[in-house]
Structure formats: structure tokens, C-alpha cells
Amino acid sequence: QVRGLCGTYNGDQRDEFSTPAGDVEGSVSAFTDKYRAPGACPARGPFAAEPCGAYAGQRDAAEAACAVLHGPAFQ
């Protein structure tokens, strides 16, 4: 029953990038663009190979956001 940015949790990694329309994207950038709120921000291109190096100033914010996903709510 789970679907979206957090994946499907069904053991099949081939459908982890399922979009709201039900199709499966082949790249992270195409997948995340399907969940982007219209007008909220511009579409992203391909991500940098090492995002921590490219966006070093945002590392603390990213680690704090990921801590939520690793917390008890998602155990």
C-alpha cells in the first residue's frame, strides 16, 4: 500500500521509482520531477555525481532531513 518518494516496500526494486501516474521512471531526476509542486521550483537536470561536494553548504540540512527518515517513524 506504500508508494511515492519513500518507495513501495514490496521487495521489488524495479518499481521503486513509481510516479503518481503509475509509470516507472528510470532516473532520479525524472522521478523527483513528477512529485515537484507546479510553480514551486524549476525542474532539475541530472544530479551531480557527488552531491555533497557540489552542495557542501547544504550538508547539515540534508543530514537533518535524512535523520527523520532513519528515525522511529520509518522503522
PDB file of N, CA and C in Angstrom:
ATOM      1  N   GLN A   1       0.816  -1.204   0.000  1.00  0.00           N
ATOM      2  CA  GLN A   1       0.000   0.000   0.000  1.00  0.00           C
ATOM      3  C   GLN A   1       0.859   1.269   0.000  1.00  0.00           C
ATOM      4  N   VAL A   2       2.173   1.159   0.296  1.00  0.00           N
ATOM      5  CA  VAL A   2       3.041   2.329   0.339  1.00  0.00           C
ATOM      6  C   VAL A   2       3.534   2.634  -1.064  1.00  0.00           C
ATOM      7  N   ARG A   3       3.591   3.927  -1.398  1.00  0.00           N
ATOM      8  CA  ARG A   3       4.031   4.330  -2.722  1.00  0.00           C
ATOM      9  C   ARG A   3       4.481   5.780  -2.659  1.00  0.00           C
ATOM     10  N   GLY A   4       5.356   6.189  -3.538  1.00  0.00           N
ATOM     11  CA  GLY A   4       5.774   7.579  -3.593  1.00  0.00           C
ATOM     12  C   GLY A   4       7.252   7.747  -3.387  1.00  0.00           C
ATOM     13  N   LEU A   5       7.640   8.891  -2.857  1.00  0.00           N
ATOM     14  CA  LEU A   5       9.047   9.210  -2.692  1.00  0.00           C
ATOM     15  C   LEU A   5       9.756   8.255  -1.745  1.00  0.00           C
ATOM     16  N   CYS A   6       9.039   7.598  -0.863  1.00  0.00           N
ATOM     17  CA  CYS A   6       9.658   6.653   0.070  1.00  0.00           C
ATOM     18  C   CYS A   6       9.725   5.234  -0.494  1.00  0.00           C
ATOM     19  N   GLY A   7       9.266   5.002  -1.699  1.00  0.00           N
ATOM     20  CA  GLY A   7       9.335   3.675  -2.303  1.00  0.00           C
ATOM     21  C   GLY A   7       8.084   2.862  -2.066  1.00  0.00           C
ATOM     22  N   THR A   8       8.123   1.596  -2.455  1.00  0.00           N
ATOM     23  CA  THR A   8       6.951   0.739  -2.356  1.00  0.00           C
ATOM     24  C   THR A   8       7.042  -0.311  -1.255  1.00  0.00           C
ATOM     25  N   TYR A   9       8.251  -0.611  -0.798  1.00  0.00           N
ATOM     26  CA  TYR A   9       8.484  -1.606   0.257  1.00  0.00           C
ATOM     27  C   TYR A   9       7.852  -2.958  -0.064  1.00  0.00           C
ATOM     28  N   ASN A  10       7.926  -3.355  -1.334  1.00  0.00           N
ATOM     29  CA  ASN A  10       7.373  -4.656  -1.716  1.00  0.00           C
ATOM     30  C   ASN A  10       8.467  -5.656  -2.090  1.00  0.00           C
ATOM     31  N   GLY A  11       9.743  -5.275  -1.912  1.00  0.00           N
ATOM     32  CA  GLY A  11      10.842  -6.175  -2.218  1.00  0.00           C
ATOM     33  C   GLY A  11      11.273  -6.166  -3.672  1.00  0.00           C
ATOM     34  N   ASP A  12      10.579  -5.433  -4.533  1.00  0.00           N
ATOM     35  CA  ASP A  12      10.911  -5.370  -5.951  1.00  0.00           C
ATOM     36  C   ASP A  12      11.499  -3.993  -6.256  1.00  0.00           C
ATOM     37  N   GLN A  13      12.813  -3.923  -6.407  1.00  0.00           N
ATOM     38  CA  GLN A  13      13.467  -2.628  -6.622  1.00  0.00           C
ATOM     39  C   GLN A  13      13.165  -2.033  -7.990  1.00  0.00           C
ATOM     40  N   ARG A  14      12.626  -2.809  -8.908  1.00  0.00           N
ATOM     41  CA  ARG A  14      12.333  -2.288 -10.244  1.00  0.00           C
ATOM     42  C   ARG A  14      11.197  -1.275 -10.240  1.00  0.00           C
ATOM     43  N   ASP A  15      10.358  -1.265  -9.201  1.00  0.00           N
ATOM     44  CA  ASP A  15       9.241  -0.314  -9.186  1.00  0.00           C
ATOM     45  C   ASP A  15       9.384   0.767  -8.119  1.00  0.00           C
ATOM     46  N   GLU A  16      10.593   0.973  -7.618  1.00  0.00           N
ATOM     47  CA  GLU A  16      10.798   1.992  -6.583  1.00  0.00           C
ATOM     48  C   GLU A  16      10.580   3.403  -7.104  1.00  0.00           C
ATOM     49  N   PHE A  17      10.756   3.652  -8.384  1.00  0.00           N
ATOM     50  CA  PHE A  17      10.562   4.986  -8.940  1.00  0.00           C
ATOM     51  C   PHE A  17       9.177   5.121  -9.565  1.00  0.00           C
ATOM     52  N   SER A  18       8.150   4.546  -8.927  1.00  0.00           N
ATOM     53  CA  SER A  18       6.776   4.669  -9.423  1.00  0.00           C
ATOM     54  C   SER A  18       6.271   6.088  -9.200  1.00  0.00           C
ATOM     55  N   THR A  19       5.699   6.667 -10.228  1.00  0.00           N
ATOM     56  CA  THR A  19       5.207   8.043 -10.168  1.00  0.00           C
ATOM     57  C   THR A  19       3.732   8.069  -9.753  1.00  0.00           C
ATOM     58  N   PRO A  20       3.188   9.244  -9.450  1.00  0.00           N
ATOM     59  CA  PRO A  20       1.772   9.330  -9.121  1.00  0.00           C
ATOM     60  C   PRO A  20       0.867   8.805 -10.236  1.00  0.00           C
ATOM     61  N   ALA A  21       1.334   8.875 -11.484  1.00  0.00           N
ATOM     62  CA  ALA A  21       0.542   8.383 -12.619  1.00  0.00           C
ATOM     63  C   ALA A  21       0.647   6.873 -12.780  1.00  0.00           C
ATOM     64  N   GLY A  22       1.555   6.234 -12.019  1.00  0.00           N
ATOM     65  CA  GLY A  22       1.678   4.786 -12.084  1.00  0.00           C
ATOM     66  C   GLY A  22       2.774   4.279 -12.997  1.00  0.00           C
ATOM     67  N   ASP A  23       3.435   5.194 -13.733  1.00  0.00           N
ATOM     68  CA  ASP A  23       4.543   4.744 -14.564  1.00  0.00           C
ATOM     69  C   ASP A  23       5.818   4.681 -13.727  1.00  0.00           C
ATOM     70  N   VAL A  24       6.859   4.058 -14.251  1.00  0.00           N
ATOM     71  CA  VAL A  24       8.115   3.901 -13.524  1.00  0.00           C
ATOM     72  C   VAL A  24       9.202   4.653 -14.274  1.00  0.00           C
ATOM     73  N   GLU A  25       9.817   5.627 -13.592  1.00  0.00           N
ATOM     74  CA  GLU A  25      10.887   6.412 -14.208  1.00  0.00           C
ATOM     75  C   GLU A  25      12.218   5.686 -14.076  1.00  0.00           C
ATOM     76  N   GLY A  26      13.137   5.976 -14.977  1.00  0.00           N
ATOM     77  CA  GLY A  26      14.429   5.314 -14.977  1.00  0.00           C
ATOM     78  C   GLY A  26      15.540   6.104 -14.325  1.00  0.00           C
ATOM     79  N   SER A  27      15.277   7.366 -13.962  1.00  0.00           N
ATOM     80  CA  SER A  27      16.314   8.177 -13.334  1.00  0.00           C
ATOM     81  C   SER A  27      15.740   8.924 -12.135  1.00  0.00           C
ATOM     82  N   VAL A  28      16.617   9.289 -11.219  1.00  0.00           N
ATOM     83  CA  VAL A  28      16.199  10.008 -10.016  1.00  0.00           C
ATOM     84  C   VAL A  28      15.616  11.372 -10.377  1.00  0.00           C
ATOM     85  N   SER A  29      16.280  12.102 -11.272  1.00  0.00           N
ATOM     86  CA  SER A  29      15.795  13.443 -11.603  1.00  0.00           C
ATOM     87  C   SER A  29      14.419  13.400 -12.265  1.00  0.00           C
ATOM     88  N   ALA A  30      14.192  12.469 -13.174  1.00  0.00           N
ATOM     89  CA  ALA A  30      12.876  12.351 -13.815  1.00  0.00           C
ATOM     90  C   ALA A  30      11.815  11.959 -12.791  1.00  0.00           C
ATOM     91  N   PHE A  31      12.171  11.073 -11.871  1.00  0.00           N
ATOM     92  CA  PHE A  31      11.240  10.630 -10.827  1.00  0.00           C
ATOM     93  C   PHE A  31      10.851  11.783  -9.910  1.00  0.00           C
ATOM     94  N   THR A  32      11.842  12.526  -9.408  1.00  0.00           N
ATOM     95  CA  THR A  32      11.532  13.606  -8.471  1.00  0.00           C
ATOM     96  C   THR A  32      10.769  14.734  -9.144  1.00  0.00           C
ATOM     97  N   ASP A  33      11.003  14.956 -10.442  1.00  0.00           N
ATOM     98  CA  ASP A  33      10.243  15.994 -11.141  1.00  0.00           C
ATOM     99  C   ASP A  33       8.759  15.672 -11.180  1.00  0.00           C
ATOM    100  N   LYS A  34       8.384  14.390 -11.166  1.00  0.00           N
ATOM    101  CA  LYS A  34       6.970  14.006 -11.175  1.00  0.00           C
ATOM    102  C   LYS A  34       6.271  14.377  -9.866  1.00  0.00           C
ATOM    103  N   TYR A  35       7.025  14.527  -8.777  1.00  0.00           N
ATOM    104  CA  TYR A  35       6.456  14.887  -7.488  1.00  0.00           C
ATOM    105  C   TYR A  35       6.621  16.369  -7.160  1.00  0.00           C
ATOM    106  N   ARG A  36       7.261  17.112  -8.038  1.00  0.00           N
ATOM    107  CA  ARG A  36       7.505  18.537  -7.824  1.00  0.00           C
ATOM    108  C   ARG A  36       6.185  19.292  -7.906  1.00  0.00           C
ATOM    109  N   ALA A  37       5.949  20.191  -6.952  1.00  0.00           N
ATOM    110  CA  ALA A  37       4.735  21.007  -6.963  1.00  0.00           C
ATOM    111  C   ALA A  37       4.833  22.022  -8.098  1.00  0.00           C
ATOM    112  N   PRO A  38       3.787  22.155  -8.902  1.00  0.00           N
ATOM    113  CA  PRO A  38       3.821  23.109 -10.012  1.00  0.00           C
ATOM    114  C   PRO A  38       4.119  24.528  -9.514  1.00  0.00           C
ATOM    115  N   GLY A  39       5.076  25.173 -10.147  1.00  0.00           N
ATOM    116  CA  GLY A  39       5.420  26.545  -9.787  1.00  0.00           C
ATOM    117  C   GLY A  39       6.291  26.680  -8.555  1.00  0.00           C
ATOM    118  N   ALA A  40       6.567  25.578  -7.855  1.00  0.00           N
ATOM    119  CA  ALA A  40       7.337  25.656  -6.608  1.00  0.00           C
ATOM    120  C   ALA A  40       8.817  25.877  -6.874  1.00  0.00           C
ATOM    121  N   CYS A  41       9.352  25.243  -7.886  1.00  0.00           N
ATOM    122  CA  CYS A  41      10.768  25.364  -8.203  1.00  0.00           C
ATOM    123  C   CYS A  41      10.990  24.840  -9.617  1.00  0.00           C
ATOM    124  N   PRO A  42      12.087  25.232 -10.239  1.00  0.00           N
ATOM    125  CA  PRO A  42      12.338  24.760 -11.605  1.00  0.00           C
ATOM    126  C   PRO A  42      12.692  23.282 -11.639  1.00  0.00           C
ATOM    127  N   ALA A  43      12.447  22.658 -12.784  1.00  0.00           N
ATOM    128  CA  ALA A  43      12.809  21.254 -12.959  1.00  0.00           C
ATOM    129  C   ALA A  43      14.323  21.113 -12.854  1.00  0.00           C
ATOM    130  N   ARG A  44      14.752  20.007 -12.253  1.00  0.00           N
ATOM    131  CA  ARG A  44      16.181  19.762 -12.079  1.00  0.00           C
ATOM    132  C   ARG A  44      16.713  18.963 -13.255  1.00  0.00           C
ATOM    133  N   GLY A  45      17.971  19.184 -13.567  1.00  0.00           N
ATOM    134  CA  GLY A  45      18.661  18.377 -14.561  1.00  0.00           C
ATOM    135  C   GLY A  45      19.263  17.183 -13.847  1.00  0.00           C
ATOM    136  N   PRO A  46      20.127  16.453 -14.504  1.00  0.00           N
ATOM    137  CA  PRO A  46      20.797  15.324 -13.851  1.00  0.00           C
ATOM    138  C   PRO A  46      21.588  15.801 -12.631  1.00  0.00           C
ATOM    139  N   PHE A  47      21.569  15.005 -11.590  1.00  0.00           N
ATOM    140  CA  PHE A  47      22.255  15.367 -10.353  1.00  0.00           C
ATOM    141  C   PHE A  47      23.757  15.201 -10.499  1.00  0.00           C
ATOM    142  N   ALA A  48      24.494  15.941  -9.706  1.00  0.00           N
ATOM    143  CA  ALA A  48      25.954  15.821  -9.681  1.00  0.00           C
ATOM    144  C   ALA A  48      26.328  14.421  -9.197  1.00  0.00           C
ATOM    145  N   ALA A  49      27.452  13.909  -9.681  1.00  0.00           N
ATOM    146  CA  ALA A  49      27.901  12.573  -9.289  1.00  0.00           C
ATOM    147  C   ALA A  49      28.142  12.499  -7.784  1.00  0.00           C
ATOM    148  N   GLU A  50      28.625  13.574  -7.181  1.00  0.00           N
ATOM    149  CA  GLU A  50      28.883  13.627  -5.744  1.00  0.00           C
ATOM    150  C   GLU A  50      28.161  14.854  -5.180  1.00  0.00           C
ATOM    151  N   PRO A  51      26.893  14.711  -4.801  1.00  0.00           N
ATOM    152  CA  PRO A  51      26.114  15.873  -4.374  1.00  0.00           C
ATOM    153  C   PRO A  51      26.688  16.571  -3.145  1.00  0.00           C
ATOM    154  N   CYS A  52      27.349  15.856  -2.249  1.00  0.00           N
ATOM    155  CA  CYS A  52      27.911  16.501  -1.064  1.00  0.00           C
ATOM    156  C   CYS A  52      29.027  17.460  -1.449  1.00  0.00           C
ATOM    157  N   GLY A  53      29.774  17.147  -2.494  1.00  0.00           N
ATOM    158  CA  GLY A  53      30.824  18.048  -2.956  1.00  0.00           C
ATOM    159  C   GLY A  53      30.261  19.251  -3.681  1.00  0.00           C
ATOM    160  N   ALA A  54      29.220  19.046  -4.450  1.00  0.00           N
ATOM    161  CA  ALA A  54      28.629  20.126  -5.217  1.00  0.00           C
ATOM    162  C   ALA A  54      27.809  21.076  -4.357  1.00  0.00           C
ATOM    163  N   TYR A  55      27.239  20.564  -3.267  1.00  0.00           N
ATOM    164  CA  TYR A  55      26.373  21.366  -2.401  1.00  0.00           C
ATOM    165  C   TYR A  55      26.844  21.292  -0.953  1.00  0.00           C
ATOM    166  N   ALA A  56      28.137  21.509  -0.746  1.00  0.00           N
ATOM    167  CA  ALA A  56      28.737  21.340   0.581  1.00  0.00           C
ATOM    168  C   ALA A  56      28.060  22.207   1.638  1.00  0.00           C
ATOM    169  N   GLY A  57      27.580  23.373   1.293  1.00  0.00           N
ATOM    170  CA  GLY A  57      26.933  24.263   2.246  1.00  0.00           C
ATOM    171  C   GLY A  57      25.593  23.763   2.742  1.00  0.00           C
ATOM    172  N   GLN A  58      25.020  22.762   2.093  1.00  0.00           N
ATOM    173  CA  GLN A  58      23.709  22.247   2.477  1.00  0.00           C
ATOM    174  C   GLN A  58      23.795  20.885   3.162  1.00  0.00           C
ATOM    175  N   ARG A  59      25.012  20.445   3.482  1.00  0.00           N
ATOM    176  CA  ARG A  59      25.193  19.114   4.062  1.00  0.00           C
ATOM    177  C   ARG A  59      24.460  18.957   5.397  1.00  0.00           C
ATOM    178  N   ASP A  60      24.562  19.942   6.279  1.00  0.00           N
ATOM    179  CA  ASP A  60      23.902  19.844   7.591  1.00  0.00           C
ATOM    180  C   ASP A  60      22.391  19.718   7.445  1.00  0.00           C
ATOM    181  N   ALA A  61      21.814  20.510   6.555  1.00  0.00           N
ATOM    182  CA  ALA A  61      20.362  20.450   6.347  1.00  0.00           C
ATOM    183  C   ALA A  61      19.958  19.094   5.766  1.00  0.00           C
ATOM    184  N   ALA A  62      20.757  18.563   4.850  1.00  0.00           N
ATOM    185  CA  ALA A  62      20.459  17.256   4.259  1.00  0.00           C
ATOM    186  C   ALA A  62      20.554  16.148   5.294  1.00  0.00           C
ATOM    187  N   GLU A  63      21.581  16.192   6.138  1.00  0.00           N
ATOM    188  CA  GLU A  63      21.724  15.166   7.171  1.00  0.00           C
ATOM    189  C   GLU A  63      20.574  15.230   8.178  1.00  0.00           C
ATOM    190  N   ALA A  64      20.111  16.430   8.509  1.00  0.00           N
ATOM    191  CA  ALA A  64      18.976  16.568   9.428  1.00  0.00           C
ATOM    192  C   ALA A  64      17.703  15.997   8.805  1.00  0.00           C
ATOM    193  N   ALA A  65      17.503  16.251   7.510  1.00  0.00           N
ATOM    194  CA  ALA A  65      16.315  15.719   6.831  1.00  0.00           C
ATOM    195  C   ALA A  65      16.378  14.204   6.749  1.00  0.00           C
ATOM    196  N   CYS A  66      17.546  13.656   6.458  1.00  0.00           N
ATOM    197  CA  CYS A  66      17.685  12.200   6.367  1.00  0.00           C
ATOM    198  C   CYS A  66      17.530  11.541   7.729  1.00  0.00           C
ATOM    199  N   ALA A  67      17.889  12.240   8.791  1.00  0.00           N
ATOM    200  CA  ALA A  67      17.738  11.682  10.134  1.00  0.00           C
ATOM    201  C   ALA A  67      16.276  11.354  10.428  1.00  0.00           C
ATOM    202  N   VAL A  68      15.369  12.147   9.889  1.00  0.00           N
ATOM    203  CA  VAL A  68      13.941  11.877  10.067  1.00  0.00           C
ATOM    204  C   VAL A  68      13.581  10.542   9.417  1.00  0.00           C
ATOM    205  N   LEU A  69      14.100  10.290   8.218  1.00  0.00           N
ATOM    206  CA  LEU A  69      13.803   9.044   7.520  1.00  0.00           C
ATOM    207  C   LEU A  69      14.401   7.827   8.226  1.00  0.00           C
ATOM    208  N   HIS A  70      15.483   8.035   8.952  1.00  0.00           N
ATOM    209  CA  HIS A  70      16.105   6.937   9.690  1.00  0.00           C
ATOM    210  C   HIS A  70      15.560   6.821  11.107  1.00  0.00           C
ATOM    211  N   GLY A  71      14.633   7.696  11.479  1.00  0.00           N
ATOM    212  CA  GLY A  71      14.074   7.733  12.832  1.00  0.00           C
ATOM    213  C   GLY A  71      12.981   6.704  13.048  1.00  0.00           C
ATOM    214  N   PRO A  72      12.401   6.716  14.238  1.00  0.00           N
ATOM    215  CA  PRO A  72      11.405   5.715  14.617  1.00  0.00           C
ATOM    216  C   PRO A  72      10.122   5.717  13.771  1.00  0.00           C
ATOM    217  N   ALA A  73       9.780   6.840  13.173  1.00  0.00           N
ATOM    218  CA  ALA A  73       8.552   6.888  12.361  1.00  0.00           C
ATOM    219  C   ALA A  73       8.630   5.973  11.145  1.00  0.00           C
ATOM    220  N   PHE A  74       9.850   5.687  10.678  1.00  0.00           N
ATOM    221  CA  PHE A  74      10.022   4.855   9.491  1.00  0.00           C
ATOM    222  C   PHE A  74      10.681   3.517   9.790  1.00  0.00           C
ATOM    223  N   GLN A  75      10.688   3.108  11.039  1.00  0.00           N
ATOM    224  CA  GLN A  75      11.288   1.804  11.418  1.00  0.00           C
ATOM    225  C   GLN A  75      10.383   0.671  11.007  1.00  0.00           C
TER     226      GLN A  75
END
